[in-house]
Amino acid sequence: MFAKDRHNNPEGKKDEKVAESGLEKNHKAGKEPVTLSRDEFEALQAQAEKAQENWDRCLRQQADVENLRKRLERDRQDFIKFANEELIFDLLNVLDDLERTVELAQHKHEDLSAFLKGVEMILAHLYELLKKYGVKPIDAQGKVFDPHFHEALMQAFDQTLPEHTVLEEMQKGYMLHDRVIRTAKVKVSKQGQEEKEGGEPPAA
């Protein structure tokens, strides 16, 4: 009777389905107990320890890389900050010479020729110093105007020279190795006839 009732009881079937569903979920979730031999367990334990060691090593290496990046950034900042130290040290010698020359002119009343000679010596020293660091003047006088090296401030009529020839160097230009750091300010020739005040414009 009980077997019959259970067979015909829909609630019993429902309970069985719930139980089966729970087993399937546990199986899918990996909760079903697994039996391992001692060798298999020890091998898994060794692999877990090795994985932890690799993870710790990865974290240490990541920290080392970050420390290296910070140190390189500090070195870069220091390099930028003190890159011109040697140049400035050499310029201080030129400054000393110039101060001594001015002091002699003021207190010992040296004549103009002696003062100019001292200034010329300082200029020569300064030019040699610039040359040492790869700085050289741009050759502009008499050259064809080149916007990469020259900056035209004025134009002047000149029939004896081709057009766009540099007539006068109004401010020197300089290069640092192969790079222009200051263009030369120049006056450039222009073809044609200069208009006279109150006169007729040149014929076409």
N, C-alpha and C. Protein backbone atom coordinates (compact mmCIF):
# COMPACT_ATOMS: atom_id res chain seq x y z
N MET A 1 0.82 -1.21 0.00
CA MET A 1 0.00 0.00 0.00
C MET A 1 0.85 1.25 0.00
N PHE A 2 1.86 1.18 0.86
CA PHE A 2 2.72 2.37 0.91
C PHE A 2 3.47 2.56 -0.40
N ALA A 3 3.89 1.41 -0.97
CA ALA A 3 4.61 1.50 -2.24
C ALA A 3 3.70 2.03 -3.32
N LYS A 4 2.44 1.58 -3.25
CA LYS A 4 1.48 2.05 -4.26
C LYS A 4 1.22 3.53 -4.10
N ASP A 5 1.03 3.93 -2.81
CA ASP A 5 0.77 5.37 -2.58
C ASP A 5 1.94 6.21 -3.03
N ARG A 6 3.10 5.72 -2.77
CA ARG A 6 4.28 6.52 -3.17
C ARG A 6 4.39 6.60 -4.67
N HIS A 7 4.04 5.49 -5.31
CA HIS A 7 4.12 5.48 -6.77
C HIS A 7 3.12 6.43 -7.38
N ASN A 8 1.98 6.52 -6.73
CA ASN A 8 0.95 7.39 -7.29
C ASN A 8 0.99 8.81 -6.75
N ASN A 9 1.88 9.07 -5.82
CA ASN A 9 1.93 10.40 -5.17
C ASN A 9 2.77 11.36 -6.01
N PRO A 10 2.16 12.39 -6.55
CA PRO A 10 2.94 13.35 -7.35
C PRO A 10 3.96 14.09 -6.53
N GLU A 11 3.68 14.28 -5.24
CA GLU A 11 4.63 15.01 -4.38
C GLU A 11 5.93 14.22 -4.25
N GLY A 12 5.80 12.91 -4.19
CA GLY A 12 7.02 12.08 -4.10
C GLY A 12 7.88 12.23 -5.33
N LYS A 13 7.23 12.28 -6.47
CA LYS A 13 7.99 12.47 -7.70
C LYS A 13 8.68 13.83 -7.72
N LYS A 14 8.00 14.80 -7.17
CA LYS A 14 8.58 16.15 -7.11
C LYS A 14 9.82 16.17 -6.24
N ASP A 15 9.72 15.44 -5.09
CA ASP A 15 10.88 15.39 -4.19
C ASP A 15 12.05 14.72 -4.86
N GLU A 16 11.78 13.66 -5.62
CA GLU A 16 12.86 12.97 -6.32
C GLU A 16 13.51 13.88 -7.35
N LYS A 17 12.69 14.65 -8.06
CA LYS A 17 13.24 15.56 -9.07
C LYS A 17 14.11 16.63 -8.43
N VAL A 18 13.65 17.15 -7.27
CA VAL A 18 14.44 18.16 -6.56
C VAL A 18 15.78 17.60 -6.14
N ALA A 19 15.76 16.36 -5.63
CA ALA A 19 16.99 15.72 -5.19
C ALA A 19 17.94 15.53 -6.37
N GLU A 20 17.39 15.03 -7.49
CA GLU A 20 18.23 14.85 -8.68
C GLU A 20 18.79 16.18 -9.17
N SER A 21 17.97 17.22 -9.14
CA SER A 21 18.43 18.54 -9.58
C SER A 21 19.56 19.03 -8.70
N GLY A 22 19.46 18.82 -7.38
CA GLY A 22 20.52 19.23 -6.46
C GLY A 22 21.82 18.51 -6.75
N LEU A 23 21.74 17.23 -7.04
CA LEU A 23 22.94 16.45 -7.37
C LEU A 23 23.60 16.97 -8.65
N GLU A 24 22.78 17.30 -9.64
CA GLU A 24 23.33 17.83 -10.89
C GLU A 24 24.05 19.16 -10.67
N LYS A 25 23.41 20.01 -9.82
CA LYS A 25 24.04 21.31 -9.56
C LYS A 25 25.37 21.13 -8.83
N ASN A 26 25.38 20.24 -7.85
CA ASN A 26 26.62 20.00 -7.12
C ASN A 26 27.70 19.44 -8.03
N HIS A 27 27.27 18.59 -8.94
CA HIS A 27 28.23 18.00 -9.88
C HIS A 27 28.80 19.07 -10.82
N LYS A 28 27.90 19.94 -11.32
CA LYS A 28 28.34 21.00 -12.23
C LYS A 28 29.22 22.01 -11.51
N ALA A 29 28.94 22.29 -10.25
CA ALA A 29 29.71 23.27 -9.49
C ALA A 29 31.02 22.71 -8.99
N GLY A 30 31.29 21.46 -9.23
CA GLY A 30 32.53 20.87 -8.78
C GLY A 30 32.53 20.52 -7.32
N LYS A 31 31.35 20.39 -6.69
CA LYS A 31 31.25 20.10 -5.27
C LYS A 31 31.20 18.60 -4.99
N GLU A 32 31.13 17.86 -6.04
CA GLU A 32 31.11 16.42 -5.84
C GLU A 32 32.46 15.96 -5.32
N PRO A 33 32.53 15.26 -4.27
CA PRO A 33 33.82 14.84 -3.70
C PRO A 33 34.62 14.00 -4.68
N VAL A 34 35.95 14.24 -4.67
CA VAL A 34 36.86 13.53 -5.57
C VAL A 34 37.86 12.78 -4.71
N THR A 35 38.12 11.57 -5.06
CA THR A 35 39.09 10.75 -4.32
C THR A 35 40.42 10.77 -5.06
N LEU A 36 41.48 11.14 -4.33
CA LEU A 36 42.82 11.19 -4.90
C LEU A 36 43.74 10.26 -4.14
N SER A 37 44.69 9.74 -4.87
CA SER A 37 45.74 8.98 -4.19
C SER A 37 46.70 9.95 -3.51
N ARG A 38 47.54 9.43 -2.62
CA ARG A 38 48.50 10.30 -1.92
C ARG A 38 49.47 10.96 -2.91
N ASP A 39 49.92 10.21 -3.91
CA ASP A 39 50.85 10.76 -4.90
C ASP A 39 50.21 11.91 -5.67
N GLU A 40 48.94 11.73 -6.06
CA GLU A 40 48.24 12.78 -6.79
C GLU A 40 48.05 14.01 -5.92
N PHE A 41 47.69 13.80 -4.64
CA PHE A 41 47.50 14.93 -3.73
C PHE A 41 48.81 15.70 -3.53
N GLU A 42 49.90 14.97 -3.33
CA GLU A 42 51.21 15.63 -3.14
C GLU A 42 51.65 16.37 -4.40
N ALA A 43 51.33 15.80 -5.57
CA ALA A 43 51.69 16.49 -6.82
C ALA A 43 50.89 17.79 -6.96
N LEU A 44 49.61 17.76 -6.64
CA LEU A 44 48.79 18.99 -6.71
C LEU A 44 49.26 20.01 -5.69
N GLN A 45 49.62 19.54 -4.49
CA GLN A 45 50.11 20.45 -3.47
C GLN A 45 51.43 21.11 -3.91
N ALA A 46 52.32 20.35 -4.55
CA ALA A 46 53.58 20.90 -5.04
C ALA A 46 53.33 21.93 -6.14
N GLN A 47 52.37 21.65 -7.02
CA GLN A 47 52.05 22.60 -8.08
C GLN A 47 51.46 23.89 -7.51
N ALA A 48 50.64 23.77 -6.49
CA ALA A 48 50.07 24.97 -5.86
C ALA A 48 51.16 25.81 -5.21
N GLU A 49 52.10 25.15 -4.53
CA GLU A 49 53.20 25.89 -3.91
C GLU A 49 54.07 26.57 -4.98
N LYS A 50 54.29 25.88 -6.09
CA LYS A 50 55.09 26.46 -7.16
C LYS A 50 54.36 27.65 -7.78
N ALA A 51 53.04 27.54 -7.95
CA ALA A 51 52.26 28.65 -8.50
C ALA A 51 52.33 29.87 -7.57
N GLN A 52 52.28 29.63 -6.26
CA GLN A 52 52.38 30.74 -5.31
C GLN A 52 53.76 31.38 -5.38
N GLU A 53 54.80 30.56 -5.51
CA GLU A 53 56.16 31.10 -5.65
C GLU A 53 56.28 31.95 -6.91
N ASN A 54 55.72 31.47 -8.02
CA ASN A 54 55.77 32.24 -9.27
C ASN A 54 55.01 33.56 -9.13
N TRP A 55 53.89 33.53 -8.45
CA TRP A 55 53.11 34.76 -8.24
C TRP A 55 53.89 35.76 -7.40
N ASP A 56 54.51 35.27 -6.32
CA ASP A 56 55.32 36.15 -5.47
C ASP A 56 56.50 36.74 -6.26
N ARG A 57 57.12 35.90 -7.10
CA ARG A 57 58.24 36.38 -7.92
C ARG A 57 57.77 37.43 -8.91
N CYS A 58 56.59 37.21 -9.48
CA CYS A 58 56.02 38.20 -10.43
C CYS A 58 55.79 39.53 -9.73
N LEU A 59 55.26 39.51 -8.51
CA LEU A 59 55.02 40.75 -7.76
C LEU A 59 56.33 41.46 -7.45
N ARG A 60 57.35 40.69 -7.07
CA ARG A 60 58.65 41.31 -6.78
C ARG A 60 59.25 41.94 -8.03
N GLN A 61 59.16 41.25 -9.15
CA GLN A 61 59.69 41.80 -10.40
C GLN A 61 58.94 43.05 -10.83
N GLN A 62 57.63 43.04 -10.63
CA GLN A 62 56.83 44.23 -10.95
C GLN A 62 57.26 45.41 -10.08
N ALA A 63 57.52 45.15 -8.81
CA ALA A 63 58.00 46.21 -7.91
C ALA A 63 59.38 46.70 -8.34
N ASP A 64 60.26 45.78 -8.77
CA ASP A 64 61.59 46.16 -9.22
C ASP A 64 61.52 47.04 -10.46
N VAL A 65 60.62 46.68 -11.39
CA VAL A 65 60.45 47.48 -12.61
C VAL A 65 59.95 48.89 -12.27
N GLU A 66 59.02 48.98 -11.34
CA GLU A 66 58.49 50.29 -10.94
C GLU A 66 59.58 51.13 -10.28
N ASN A 67 60.40 50.51 -9.42
CA ASN A 67 61.50 51.23 -8.79
C ASN A 67 62.52 51.69 -9.83
N LEU A 68 62.79 50.82 -10.82
CA LEU A 68 63.72 51.19 -11.89
C LEU A 68 63.18 52.36 -12.69
N ARG A 69 61.87 52.34 -12.98
CA ARG A 69 61.27 53.44 -13.74
C ARG A 69 61.40 54.76 -12.97
N LYS A 70 61.15 54.72 -11.67
CA LYS A 70 61.26 55.93 -10.87
C LYS A 70 62.70 56.43 -10.82
N ARG A 71 63.66 55.50 -10.70
CA ARG A 71 65.07 55.91 -10.66
C ARG A 71 65.51 56.52 -11.98
N LEU A 72 65.07 55.93 -13.10
CA LEU A 72 65.42 56.48 -14.41
C LEU A 72 64.81 57.86 -14.61
N GLU A 73 63.59 58.05 -14.09
CA GLU A 73 62.95 59.36 -14.20
C GLU A 73 63.72 60.41 -13.39
N ARG A 74 64.18 60.02 -12.18
CA ARG A 74 64.99 60.95 -11.38
C ARG A 74 66.30 61.28 -12.09
N ASP A 75 66.93 60.25 -12.69
CA ASP A 75 68.18 60.48 -13.42
C ASP A 75 67.95 61.41 -14.60
N ARG A 76 66.83 61.23 -15.28
CA ARG A 76 66.52 62.08 -16.43
C ARG A 76 66.32 63.53 -16.00
N GLN A 77 65.60 63.71 -14.90
CA GLN A 77 65.38 65.06 -14.39
C GLN A 77 66.70 65.71 -13.97
N ASP A 78 67.56 64.94 -13.32
CA ASP A 78 68.88 65.47 -12.92
C ASP A 78 69.72 65.82 -14.14
N PHE A 79 69.64 64.98 -15.18
CA PHE A 79 70.42 65.26 -16.38
C PHE A 79 69.98 66.57 -17.02
N ILE A 80 68.65 66.76 -17.12
CA ILE A 80 68.13 68.00 -17.69
C ILE A 80 68.53 69.19 -16.83
N LYS A 81 68.47 69.01 -15.53
CA LYS A 81 68.75 70.10 -14.60
C LYS A 81 70.20 70.54 -14.65
N PHE A 82 71.12 69.57 -14.81
CA PHE A 82 72.54 69.88 -14.74
C PHE A 82 73.27 69.65 -16.06
N ALA A 83 72.53 69.56 -17.16
CA ALA A 83 73.15 69.27 -18.45
C ALA A 83 74.14 70.35 -18.87
N ASN A 84 73.87 71.61 -18.49
CA ASN A 84 74.72 72.73 -18.92
C ASN A 84 75.75 73.11 -17.85
N GLU A 85 75.99 72.22 -16.90
CA GLU A 85 76.90 72.56 -15.81
C GLU A 85 78.30 72.89 -16.32
N GLU A 86 78.83 72.06 -17.23
CA GLU A 86 80.18 72.29 -17.74
C GLU A 86 80.26 73.59 -18.53
N LEU A 87 79.24 73.86 -19.35
CA LEU A 87 79.21 75.10 -20.12
C LEU A 87 79.17 76.31 -19.20
N ILE A 88 78.34 76.27 -18.18
CA ILE A 88 78.22 77.39 -17.26
C ILE A 88 79.53 77.60 -16.52
N PHE A 89 80.19 76.51 -16.13
CA PHE A 89 81.49 76.64 -15.44
C PHE A 89 82.49 77.37 -16.33
N ASP A 90 82.54 77.01 -17.62
CA ASP A 90 83.46 77.69 -18.54
C ASP A 90 83.06 79.14 -18.75
N LEU A 91 81.76 79.42 -18.78
CA LEU A 91 81.31 80.80 -18.95
C LEU A 91 81.68 81.67 -17.75
N LEU A 92 81.77 81.06 -16.59
CA LEU A 92 82.17 81.83 -15.41
C LEU A 92 83.59 82.39 -15.57
N ASN A 93 84.46 81.66 -16.25
CA ASN A 93 85.81 82.17 -16.51
C ASN A 93 85.77 83.40 -17.41
N VAL A 94 84.89 83.36 -18.42
CA VAL A 94 84.73 84.52 -19.30
C VAL A 94 84.17 85.70 -18.51
N LEU A 95 83.22 85.42 -17.63
CA LEU A 95 82.66 86.48 -16.80
C LEU A 95 83.72 87.10 -15.90
N ASP A 96 84.61 86.27 -15.34
CA ASP A 96 85.70 86.80 -14.51
C ASP A 96 86.59 87.74 -15.31
N ASP A 97 86.93 87.33 -16.53
CA ASP A 97 87.79 88.17 -17.38
C ASP A 97 87.11 89.51 -17.68
N LEU A 98 85.82 89.45 -17.98
CA LEU A 98 85.10 90.68 -18.30
C LEU A 98 85.00 91.60 -17.08
N GLU A 99 84.77 91.06 -15.93
CA GLU A 99 84.69 91.88 -14.72
C GLU A 99 86.04 92.52 -14.41
N ARG A 100 87.12 91.76 -14.59
CA ARG A 100 88.45 92.34 -14.34
C ARG A 100 88.75 93.47 -15.32
N THR A 101 88.35 93.28 -16.58
CA THR A 101 88.60 94.33 -17.58
C THR A 101 87.84 95.61 -17.24
N VAL A 102 86.58 95.47 -16.86
CA VAL A 102 85.78 96.64 -16.49
C VAL A 102 86.35 97.30 -15.24
N GLU A 103 86.78 96.50 -14.28
CA GLU A 103 87.35 97.04 -13.04
C GLU A 103 88.62 97.83 -13.31
N LEU A 104 89.48 97.31 -14.18
CA LEU A 104 90.70 98.04 -14.52
C LEU A 104 90.39 99.36 -15.21
N ALA A 105 89.39 99.33 -16.08
CA ALA A 105 89.03 100.56 -16.79
C ALA A 105 88.44 101.60 -15.83
N GLN A 106 87.71 101.15 -14.82
CA GLN A 106 87.06 102.09 -13.91
C GLN A 106 88.01 102.65 -12.86
N HIS A 107 88.85 101.80 -12.30
CA HIS A 107 89.66 102.22 -11.15
C HIS A 107 91.09 102.61 -11.54
N LYS A 108 91.60 102.03 -12.58
CA LYS A 108 92.97 102.37 -12.96
C LYS A 108 93.01 103.28 -14.18
N HIS A 109 91.83 103.62 -14.68
CA HIS A 109 91.73 104.60 -15.77
C HIS A 109 92.63 104.25 -16.96
N GLU A 110 92.54 102.98 -17.37
CA GLU A 110 93.31 102.59 -18.55
C GLU A 110 92.73 103.28 -19.78
N ASP A 111 93.58 103.48 -20.77
CA ASP A 111 93.12 104.17 -21.98
C ASP A 111 92.21 103.27 -22.79
N LEU A 112 91.54 103.87 -23.76
CA LEU A 112 90.53 103.16 -24.54
C LEU A 112 91.13 101.99 -25.31
N SER A 113 92.31 102.14 -25.85
CA SER A 113 92.93 101.08 -26.65
C SER A 113 93.21 99.85 -25.80
N ALA A 114 93.67 100.06 -24.57
CA ALA A 114 93.94 98.93 -23.69
C ALA A 114 92.64 98.24 -23.30
N PHE A 115 91.60 99.03 -23.07
CA PHE A 115 90.29 98.47 -22.72
C PHE A 115 89.73 97.64 -23.87
N LEU A 116 89.82 98.20 -25.08
CA LEU A 116 89.33 97.47 -26.25
C LEU A 116 90.11 96.19 -26.49
N LYS A 117 91.39 96.24 -26.24
CA LYS A 117 92.21 95.04 -26.41
C LYS A 117 91.77 93.94 -25.43
N GLY A 118 91.46 94.36 -24.19
CA GLY A 118 90.98 93.38 -23.21
C GLY A 118 89.65 92.78 -23.62
N VAL A 119 88.75 93.61 -24.15
CA VAL A 119 87.45 93.10 -24.60
C VAL A 119 87.62 92.15 -25.78
N GLU A 120 88.53 92.48 -26.69
CA GLU A 120 88.77 91.61 -27.85
C GLU A 120 89.29 90.24 -27.40
N MET A 121 90.14 90.25 -26.39
CA MET A 121 90.66 88.98 -25.87
C MET A 121 89.52 88.15 -25.26
N ILE A 122 88.62 88.83 -24.56
CA ILE A 122 87.49 88.12 -23.97
C ILE A 122 86.57 87.55 -25.06
N LEU A 123 86.33 88.32 -26.11
CA LEU A 123 85.51 87.84 -27.22
C LEU A 123 86.15 86.61 -27.88
N ALA A 124 87.47 86.68 -28.08
CA ALA A 124 88.17 85.54 -28.67
C ALA A 124 88.02 84.30 -27.78
N HIS A 125 88.14 84.51 -26.48
CA HIS A 125 87.96 83.41 -25.54
C HIS A 125 86.54 82.84 -25.62
N LEU A 126 85.57 83.74 -25.74
CA LEU A 126 84.18 83.30 -25.81
C LEU A 126 83.89 82.55 -27.10
N TYR A 127 84.44 83.01 -28.22
CA TYR A 127 84.24 82.31 -29.50
C TYR A 127 84.85 80.91 -29.44
N GLU A 128 86.01 80.78 -28.83
CA GLU A 128 86.63 79.46 -28.70
C GLU A 128 85.78 78.55 -27.82
N LEU A 129 85.21 79.13 -26.79
CA LEU A 129 84.35 78.34 -25.91
C LEU A 129 83.11 77.84 -26.65
N LEU A 130 82.47 78.71 -27.44
CA LEU A 130 81.31 78.30 -28.21
C LEU A 130 81.67 77.22 -29.23
N LYS A 131 82.84 77.38 -29.84
CA LYS A 131 83.30 76.38 -30.80
C LYS A 131 83.50 75.02 -30.13
N LYS A 132 84.00 75.06 -28.91
CA LYS A 132 84.20 73.82 -28.15
C LYS A 132 82.90 73.06 -27.97
N TYR A 133 81.80 73.77 -27.82
CA TYR A 133 80.51 73.14 -27.59
C TYR A 133 79.69 73.00 -28.87
N GLY A 134 80.32 73.15 -30.02
CA GLY A 134 79.65 72.90 -31.29
C GLY A 134 78.84 74.06 -31.82
N VAL A 135 79.06 75.27 -31.29
CA VAL A 135 78.32 76.45 -31.75
C VAL A 135 79.19 77.19 -32.77
N LYS A 136 78.61 77.51 -33.92
CA LYS A 136 79.35 78.24 -34.95
C LYS A 136 78.44 79.26 -35.60
N PRO A 137 79.01 80.40 -36.05
CA PRO A 137 78.19 81.43 -36.69
C PRO A 137 77.76 81.00 -38.09
N ILE A 138 76.61 81.50 -38.51
CA ILE A 138 76.12 81.24 -39.87
C ILE A 138 76.77 82.23 -40.83
N ASP A 139 77.32 81.72 -41.89
CA ASP A 139 77.94 82.57 -42.91
C ASP A 139 76.84 83.16 -43.79
N ALA A 140 76.61 84.46 -43.68
CA ALA A 140 75.48 85.07 -44.37
C ALA A 140 75.89 86.12 -45.40
N GLN A 141 76.92 86.91 -45.12
CA GLN A 141 77.29 88.03 -45.98
C GLN A 141 77.59 87.57 -47.40
N GLY A 142 76.87 88.15 -48.38
CA GLY A 142 77.11 87.83 -49.79
C GLY A 142 76.48 86.53 -50.25
N LYS A 143 75.79 85.82 -49.37
CA LYS A 143 75.16 84.56 -49.73
C LYS A 143 73.74 84.80 -50.27
N VAL A 144 73.24 83.83 -51.01
CA VAL A 144 71.86 83.88 -51.47
C VAL A 144 70.94 83.66 -50.26
N PHE A 145 69.90 84.46 -50.17
CA PHE A 145 68.99 84.38 -49.03
C PHE A 145 68.38 82.98 -48.92
N ASP A 146 68.45 82.42 -47.73
CA ASP A 146 67.89 81.09 -47.45
C ASP A 146 67.06 81.21 -46.17
N PRO A 147 65.74 81.01 -46.26
CA PRO A 147 64.89 81.19 -45.08
C PRO A 147 65.19 80.21 -43.94
N HIS A 148 65.90 79.13 -44.24
CA HIS A 148 66.27 78.20 -43.18
C HIS A 148 67.37 78.77 -42.29
N PHE A 149 68.18 79.68 -42.87
CA PHE A 149 69.31 80.23 -42.12
C PHE A 149 69.21 81.74 -41.91
N HIS A 150 68.41 82.43 -42.70
CA HIS A 150 68.36 83.89 -42.67
C HIS A 150 66.94 84.37 -42.41
N GLU A 151 66.86 85.56 -41.85
CA GLU A 151 65.58 86.24 -41.66
C GLU A 151 65.72 87.65 -42.22
N ALA A 152 64.96 87.95 -43.28
CA ALA A 152 65.07 89.25 -43.95
C ALA A 152 64.33 90.31 -43.16
N LEU A 153 65.06 91.32 -42.71
CA LEU A 153 64.45 92.44 -42.01
C LEU A 153 64.23 93.64 -42.93
N MET A 154 65.06 93.74 -43.95
CA MET A 154 64.99 94.87 -44.87
C MET A 154 65.33 94.42 -46.28
N GLN A 155 64.89 95.21 -47.26
CA GLN A 155 65.29 95.03 -48.65
C GLN A 155 65.87 96.33 -49.17
N ALA A 156 66.81 96.21 -50.08
CA ALA A 156 67.42 97.40 -50.66
C ALA A 156 67.70 97.13 -52.13
N PHE A 157 67.49 98.17 -52.96
CA PHE A 157 67.76 98.03 -54.40
C PHE A 157 69.26 97.96 -54.63
N ASP A 158 69.65 97.00 -55.47
CA ASP A 158 71.07 96.86 -55.84
C ASP A 158 71.13 96.18 -57.20
N GLN A 159 71.60 96.93 -58.18
CA GLN A 159 71.66 96.42 -59.55
C GLN A 159 72.92 95.60 -59.81
N THR A 160 73.88 95.66 -58.89
CA THR A 160 75.16 94.98 -59.13
C THR A 160 75.15 93.53 -58.65
N LEU A 161 74.12 93.15 -57.92
CA LEU A 161 74.07 91.79 -57.35
C LEU A 161 72.78 91.11 -57.76
N PRO A 162 72.78 89.80 -57.82
CA PRO A 162 71.52 89.08 -58.11
C PRO A 162 70.50 89.37 -57.01
N GLU A 163 69.24 89.25 -57.38
CA GLU A 163 68.19 89.49 -56.40
C GLU A 163 68.26 88.47 -55.28
N HIS A 164 67.87 88.91 -54.08
CA HIS A 164 67.85 88.06 -52.89
C HIS A 164 69.25 87.68 -52.41
N THR A 165 70.20 88.56 -52.66
CA THR A 165 71.54 88.37 -52.09
C THR A 165 71.61 89.13 -50.77
N VAL A 166 72.28 88.53 -49.79
CA VAL A 166 72.42 89.17 -48.47
C VAL A 166 73.41 90.32 -48.60
N LEU A 167 72.90 91.54 -48.40
CA LEU A 167 73.75 92.73 -48.49
C LEU A 167 74.44 93.05 -47.17
N GLU A 168 73.74 92.83 -46.09
CA GLU A 168 74.29 93.21 -44.79
C GLU A 168 73.76 92.27 -43.72
N GLU A 169 74.64 91.91 -42.81
CA GLU A 169 74.27 91.06 -41.68
C GLU A 169 74.00 91.98 -40.49
N MET A 170 72.74 92.08 -40.12
CA MET A 170 72.36 93.00 -39.06
C MET A 170 72.44 92.36 -37.68
N GLN A 171 72.32 91.05 -37.63
CA GLN A 171 72.55 90.29 -36.39
C GLN A 171 73.01 88.89 -36.78
N LYS A 172 74.07 88.44 -36.14
CA LYS A 172 74.62 87.13 -36.48
C LYS A 172 73.65 86.01 -36.10
N GLY A 173 73.68 84.98 -36.93
CA GLY A 173 72.94 83.76 -36.62
C GLY A 173 73.91 82.67 -36.20
N TYR A 174 73.42 81.69 -35.49
CA TYR A 174 74.29 80.63 -34.97
C TYR A 174 73.64 79.27 -35.13
N MET A 175 74.51 78.27 -35.25
CA MET A 175 74.09 76.88 -35.33
C MET A 175 74.72 76.10 -34.19
N LEU A 176 73.97 75.15 -33.66
CA LEU A 176 74.49 74.19 -32.69
C LEU A 176 74.61 72.86 -33.41
N HIS A 177 75.85 72.51 -33.72
CA HIS A 177 76.12 71.34 -34.58
C HIS A 177 75.39 71.54 -35.92
N ASP A 178 74.37 70.73 -36.21
CA ASP A 178 73.67 70.85 -37.50
C ASP A 178 72.30 71.52 -37.35
N ARG A 179 72.03 72.12 -36.21
CA ARG A 179 70.71 72.73 -35.98
C ARG A 179 70.86 74.24 -35.83
N VAL A 180 69.97 74.96 -36.52
CA VAL A 180 69.94 76.42 -36.40
C VAL A 180 69.28 76.78 -35.07
N ILE A 181 70.02 77.51 -34.22
CA ILE A 181 69.43 77.94 -32.95
C ILE A 181 69.05 79.42 -32.99
N ARG A 182 69.60 80.16 -33.96
CA ARG A 182 69.16 81.54 -34.19
C ARG A 182 69.48 81.92 -35.63
N THR A 183 68.47 82.34 -36.37
CA THR A 183 68.69 82.74 -37.75
C THR A 183 69.42 84.08 -37.80
N ALA A 184 70.12 84.31 -38.89
CA ALA A 184 70.82 85.58 -39.08
C ALA A 184 69.82 86.63 -39.57
N LYS A 185 69.82 87.81 -38.95
CA LYS A 185 68.95 88.92 -39.37
C LYS A 185 69.71 89.70 -40.43
N VAL A 186 69.12 89.83 -41.64
CA VAL A 186 69.88 90.36 -42.78
C VAL A 186 69.07 91.38 -43.57
N LYS A 187 69.84 92.14 -44.38
CA LYS A 187 69.26 93.01 -45.40
C LYS A 187 69.51 92.34 -46.74
N VAL A 188 68.46 92.29 -47.59
CA VAL A 188 68.52 91.52 -48.83
C VAL A 188 68.37 92.44 -50.03
N SER A 189 69.08 92.09 -51.11
CA SER A 189 69.04 92.90 -52.33
C SER A 189 67.72 92.72 -53.07
N LYS A 190 67.37 93.76 -53.83
CA LYS A 190 66.14 93.76 -54.61
C LYS A 190 66.42 94.38 -55.96
N GLN A 191 65.93 93.76 -57.00
CA GLN A 191 66.14 94.29 -58.34
C GLN A 191 65.15 95.40 -58.65
N GLY A 192 65.47 96.20 -59.64
CA GLY A 192 64.60 97.31 -60.03
C GLY A 192 65.25 98.64 -59.69
N GLN A 193 64.52 99.70 -59.90
CA GLN A 193 65.02 101.05 -59.64
C GLN A 193 64.26 101.65 -58.47
N GLU A 194 65.01 102.28 -57.61
CA GLU A 194 64.40 102.92 -56.45
C GLU A 194 63.66 104.17 -56.89
N GLU A 195 62.41 104.29 -56.44
CA GLU A 195 61.62 105.45 -56.82
C GLU A 195 62.15 106.70 -56.12
N LYS A 196 62.32 107.74 -56.88
CA LYS A 196 62.77 109.02 -56.32
C LYS A 196 61.57 109.79 -55.84
N GLU A 197 61.76 110.47 -54.75
CA GLU A 197 60.68 111.23 -54.14
C GLU A 197 60.22 112.32 -55.10
N GLY A 198 58.92 112.32 -55.47
CA GLY A 198 58.36 113.33 -56.36
C GLY A 198 58.61 113.03 -57.83
N GLY A 199 59.32 111.94 -58.14
CA GLY A 199 59.62 111.63 -59.53
C GLY A 199 58.64 110.66 -60.11
N GLU A 200 58.88 110.29 -61.36
CA GLU A 200 58.03 109.33 -62.07
C GLU A 200 58.39 107.91 -61.64
N PRO A 201 57.44 107.01 -61.51
CA PRO A 201 57.76 105.63 -61.22
C PRO A 201 58.48 105.00 -62.41
N PRO A 202 59.29 103.98 -62.18
CA PRO A 202 60.03 103.36 -63.28
C PRO A 202 59.09 102.77 -64.32
N ALA A 203 59.50 102.91 -65.60
CA ALA A 203 58.68 102.40 -66.70
C ALA A 203 58.62 100.89 -66.63
N ALA A 204 57.47 100.37 -67.05
CA ALA A 204 57.29 98.92 -67.05
C ALA A 204 58.07 98.31 -68.18
